[in-house]
Amino acid sequence: MTGRKAGTPKTGGRQKGTVNKHTAEVRSLAQKYGASVMEHLAHLALNGETEQVQVAACKEILDRGYGKSLAPVAASITANKTIAEMNDDELIALLGANALDER
């Protein structure tokens, strides 16, 4: 694999926070149609031929107005120690397998 040598800092590229030019263009074009698209979604939500169309339109409106809902997480934790008292292995076990990827 070609690229930079191990231990060499990454240089170049777009500065953090700088908008991709193509993304900015597409977003600008899409925003021109935003109001009419929302009106059409509202029409479908209230008058769609099937319940499936109505629900899909409602979901899109809510996602844009309030943001997408977070996925619920069910968890049950039983610990005899506080987090401050736990060692690294106990904390990793508490977090689950995904913690190893970030270590």
Protein backbone atom coordinates (compact mmCIF):
# COMPACT_ATOMS: atom_id res chain seq x y z
CA MET A 1 0.00 0.00 0.00
CA THR A 2 1.41 3.37 -0.96
CA GLY A 3 1.00 6.43 1.18
CA ARG A 4 2.78 8.10 4.02
CA LYS A 5 5.20 6.23 6.24
CA ALA A 6 4.10 5.11 9.68
CA GLY A 7 4.52 7.86 12.23
CA THR A 8 4.44 10.62 9.62
CA PRO A 9 1.74 13.21 10.33
CA LYS A 10 -1.11 13.61 7.86
CA THR A 11 -0.82 16.82 5.86
CA GLY A 12 -2.86 18.50 3.15
CA GLY A 13 -6.52 18.09 2.37
CA ARG A 14 -9.47 20.24 3.28
CA GLN A 15 -9.34 22.11 6.58
CA LYS A 16 -11.70 20.80 9.27
CA GLY A 17 -15.07 22.52 8.98
CA THR A 18 -14.57 23.61 5.36
CA VAL A 19 -17.56 22.66 3.23
CA ASN A 20 -17.01 20.41 0.24
CA LYS A 21 -17.65 22.56 -2.89
CA HIS A 22 -19.82 19.93 -4.57
CA THR A 23 -21.88 19.39 -1.41
CA ALA A 24 -22.42 23.15 -1.09
CA GLU A 25 -23.60 23.35 -4.73
CA VAL A 26 -26.04 20.47 -4.37
CA ARG A 27 -27.36 21.81 -1.05
CA SER A 28 -27.89 25.25 -2.59
CA LEU A 29 -29.82 23.80 -5.54
CA ALA A 30 -31.93 21.57 -3.29
CA GLN A 31 -32.83 24.44 -0.97
CA LYS A 32 -34.44 26.31 -3.88
CA TYR A 33 -37.09 23.58 -3.96
CA GLY A 34 -37.40 23.13 -0.20
CA ALA A 35 -40.68 25.00 0.33
CA SER A 36 -42.52 23.39 -2.57
CA VAL A 37 -41.24 19.92 -1.62
CA MET A 38 -42.44 20.40 1.96
CA GLU A 39 -45.85 21.50 0.65
CA HIS A 40 -46.01 18.38 -1.51
CA LEU A 41 -45.01 16.18 1.45
CA ALA A 42 -47.73 17.82 3.55
CA HIS A 43 -50.26 17.15 0.79
CA LEU A 44 -49.18 13.49 0.65
CA ALA A 45 -49.30 13.19 4.44
CA LEU A 46 -52.90 14.41 4.52
CA ASN A 47 -54.22 13.07 1.20
CA GLY A 48 -51.97 10.18 0.15
CA GLU A 49 -53.76 7.27 -1.56
CA THR A 50 -52.48 4.69 0.89
CA GLU A 51 -51.68 4.74 4.57
CA GLN A 52 -48.11 3.73 3.68
CA VAL A 53 -47.66 6.91 1.60
CA GLN A 54 -49.16 9.04 4.37
CA VAL A 55 -46.92 7.54 7.06
CA ALA A 56 -43.79 7.91 4.89
CA ALA A 57 -44.60 11.57 4.19
CA CYS A 58 -45.28 12.25 7.88
CA LYS A 59 -41.98 10.63 8.82
CA GLU A 60 -40.07 12.78 6.34
CA ILE A 61 -41.70 15.96 7.62
CA LEU A 62 -40.97 15.08 11.24
CA ASP A 63 -37.37 14.09 10.45
CA ARG A 64 -36.76 17.46 8.83
CA GLY A 65 -38.59 19.47 11.46
CA TYR A 66 -37.32 17.75 14.59
CA GLY A 67 -34.39 15.61 13.44
CA LYS A 68 -34.30 11.85 13.16
CA SER A 69 -35.20 9.99 16.31
CA LEU A 70 -32.47 8.20 18.20
CA ALA A 71 -32.54 4.43 18.30
CA PRO A 72 -33.62 3.22 21.74
CA VAL A 73 -31.06 1.26 23.71
CA ALA A 74 -32.02 -1.28 26.33
CA ALA A 75 -29.31 -1.91 28.91
CA SER A 76 -29.02 -3.50 32.27
CA ILE A 77 -25.90 -2.85 34.33
CA THR A 78 -25.12 -4.31 37.70
CA ALA A 79 -21.93 -3.05 39.28
CA ASN A 80 -20.55 -3.39 42.77
CA LYS A 81 -17.91 -0.73 42.13
CA THR A 82 -18.07 2.86 41.00
CA ILE A 83 -16.57 3.68 37.62
CA ALA A 84 -13.65 5.36 39.37
CA GLU A 85 -12.87 2.11 41.20
CA MET A 86 -12.87 -0.07 38.05
CA ASN A 87 -9.70 -1.01 36.17
CA ASP A 88 -9.34 -0.79 32.37
CA ASP A 89 -10.42 -4.38 31.72
CA GLU A 90 -13.57 -3.95 33.84
CA LEU A 91 -14.43 -0.72 32.05
CA ILE A 92 -13.94 -2.34 28.62
CA ALA A 93 -16.15 -5.26 29.66
CA LEU A 94 -18.77 -2.78 30.85
CA LEU A 95 -18.72 -0.91 27.53
CA GLY A 96 -18.81 -4.09 25.46
CA ALA A 97 -16.93 -5.33 22.42
CA ASN A 98 -17.02 -1.96 20.62
CA ALA A 99 -14.69 -0.50 23.22
CA LEU A 100 -11.82 -2.59 21.86
CA ASP A 101 -12.04 -0.82 18.49
CA GLU A 102 -11.44 2.54 20.14
CA ARG A 103 -8.60 1.45 22.37
